[in-house]
Amino acid sequence: MNLEEKIKSVTDQLNDLIKRLPAHSLKPSMWAQVEELEEELQHLKKLAAEKEDG
């Protein structure tokens, strides 16, 4: 899986998870998943930007 595909995959996972979040009584484990995916996405985007810069 190339970097662009990985970014899309993580973005899709994050969006799906956010859609499933309850309006109230959010479980800490779900919030941790959101944070983990957001951090991974930031890292991948940083790698992509560095790759573009050469």
C-alpha atoms as a PDB file:
ATOM      1  CA  MET A   1       0.000   0.000   0.000  1.00  0.00           C
ATOM      2  CA  ASN A   2       1.516   3.318  -1.002  1.00  0.00           C
ATOM      3  CA  LEU A   3       1.455   6.438   1.131  1.00  0.00           C
ATOM      4  CA  GLU A   4      -1.562   8.018  -0.585  1.00  0.00           C
ATOM      5  CA  GLU A   5      -3.587   4.823  -0.177  1.00  0.00           C
ATOM      6  CA  LYS A   6      -2.605   4.613   3.484  1.00  0.00           C
ATOM      7  CA  ILE A   7      -3.674   8.238   4.058  1.00  0.00           C
ATOM      8  CA  LYS A   8      -7.025   7.519   2.410  1.00  0.00           C
ATOM      9  CA  SER A   9      -7.484   4.368   4.466  1.00  0.00           C
ATOM     10  CA  VAL A  10      -6.750   6.103   7.771  1.00  0.00           C
ATOM     11  CA  THR A  11      -8.975   9.040   6.797  1.00  0.00           C
ATOM     12  CA  ASP A  12     -11.819   6.650   5.973  1.00  0.00           C
ATOM     13  CA  GLN A  13     -11.352   4.805   9.279  1.00  0.00           C
ATOM     14  CA  LEU A  14     -11.350   8.077  11.200  1.00  0.00           C
ATOM     15  CA  ASN A  15     -14.464   9.372   9.448  1.00  0.00           C
ATOM     16  CA  ASP A  16     -16.274   6.087  10.072  1.00  0.00           C
ATOM     17  CA  LEU A  17     -15.346   6.120  13.740  1.00  0.00           C
ATOM     18  CA  ILE A  18     -16.450   9.741  14.152  1.00  0.00           C
ATOM     19  CA  LYS A  19     -19.814   8.923  12.569  1.00  0.00           C
ATOM     20  CA  ARG A  20     -20.303   6.132  15.115  1.00  0.00           C
ATOM     21  CA  LEU A  21     -19.486   8.253  18.160  1.00  0.00           C
ATOM     22  CA  PRO A  22     -22.442   8.650  20.486  1.00  0.00           C
ATOM     23  CA  ALA A  23     -23.621  12.152  21.282  1.00  0.00           C
ATOM     24  CA  HIS A  24     -23.340  11.382  25.009  1.00  0.00           C
ATOM     25  CA  SER A  25     -21.442   8.963  27.198  1.00  0.00           C
ATOM     26  CA  LEU A  26     -18.412   8.625  24.974  1.00  0.00           C
ATOM     27  CA  LYS A  27     -16.258   5.698  26.045  1.00  0.00           C
ATOM     28  CA  PRO A  28     -12.604   6.522  26.693  1.00  0.00           C
ATOM     29  CA  SER A  29     -11.540   3.687  24.397  1.00  0.00           C
ATOM     30  CA  MET A  30     -13.382   5.228  21.448  1.00  0.00           C
ATOM     31  CA  TRP A  31     -11.845   8.628  22.134  1.00  0.00           C
ATOM     32  CA  ALA A  32      -8.415   6.988  22.311  1.00  0.00           C
ATOM     33  CA  GLN A  33      -9.036   5.417  18.880  1.00  0.00           C
ATOM     34  CA  VAL A  34      -9.932   8.824  17.430  1.00  0.00           C
ATOM     35  CA  GLU A  35      -6.763  10.362  18.849  1.00  0.00           C
ATOM     36  CA  GLU A  36      -4.632   7.468  17.608  1.00  0.00           C
ATOM     37  CA  LEU A  37      -6.010   7.723  14.074  1.00  0.00           C
ATOM     38  CA  GLU A  38      -5.604  11.512  14.054  1.00  0.00           C
ATOM     39  CA  GLU A  39      -1.968  11.176  15.125  1.00  0.00           C
ATOM     40  CA  GLU A  40      -1.301   8.523  12.484  1.00  0.00           C
ATOM     41  CA  LEU A  41      -2.921  10.706   9.826  1.00  0.00           C
ATOM     42  CA  GLN A  42      -0.791  13.697  10.819  1.00  0.00           C
ATOM     43  CA  HIS A  43       2.331  11.545  10.646  1.00  0.00           C
ATOM     44  CA  LEU A  44       1.439  10.185   7.209  1.00  0.00           C
ATOM     45  CA  LYS A  45       0.669  13.648   5.866  1.00  0.00           C
ATOM     46  CA  LYS A  46       4.009  14.880   7.182  1.00  0.00           C
ATOM     47  CA  LEU A  47       5.777  12.005   5.433  1.00  0.00           C
ATOM     48  CA  ALA A  48       3.926  12.785   2.209  1.00  0.00           C
ATOM     49  CA  ALA A  49       4.924  16.452   2.411  1.00  0.00           C
ATOM     50  CA  GLU A  50       8.558  15.523   3.032  1.00  0.00           C
ATOM     51  CA  LYS A  51       8.464  13.136   0.085  1.00  0.00           C
ATOM     52  CA  GLU A  52       7.115  15.896  -2.176  1.00  0.00           C
ATOM     53  CA  ASP A  53       9.856  18.270  -1.049  1.00  0.00           C
ATOM     54  CA  GLY A  54      12.385  15.716  -2.150  1.00  0.00           C
END
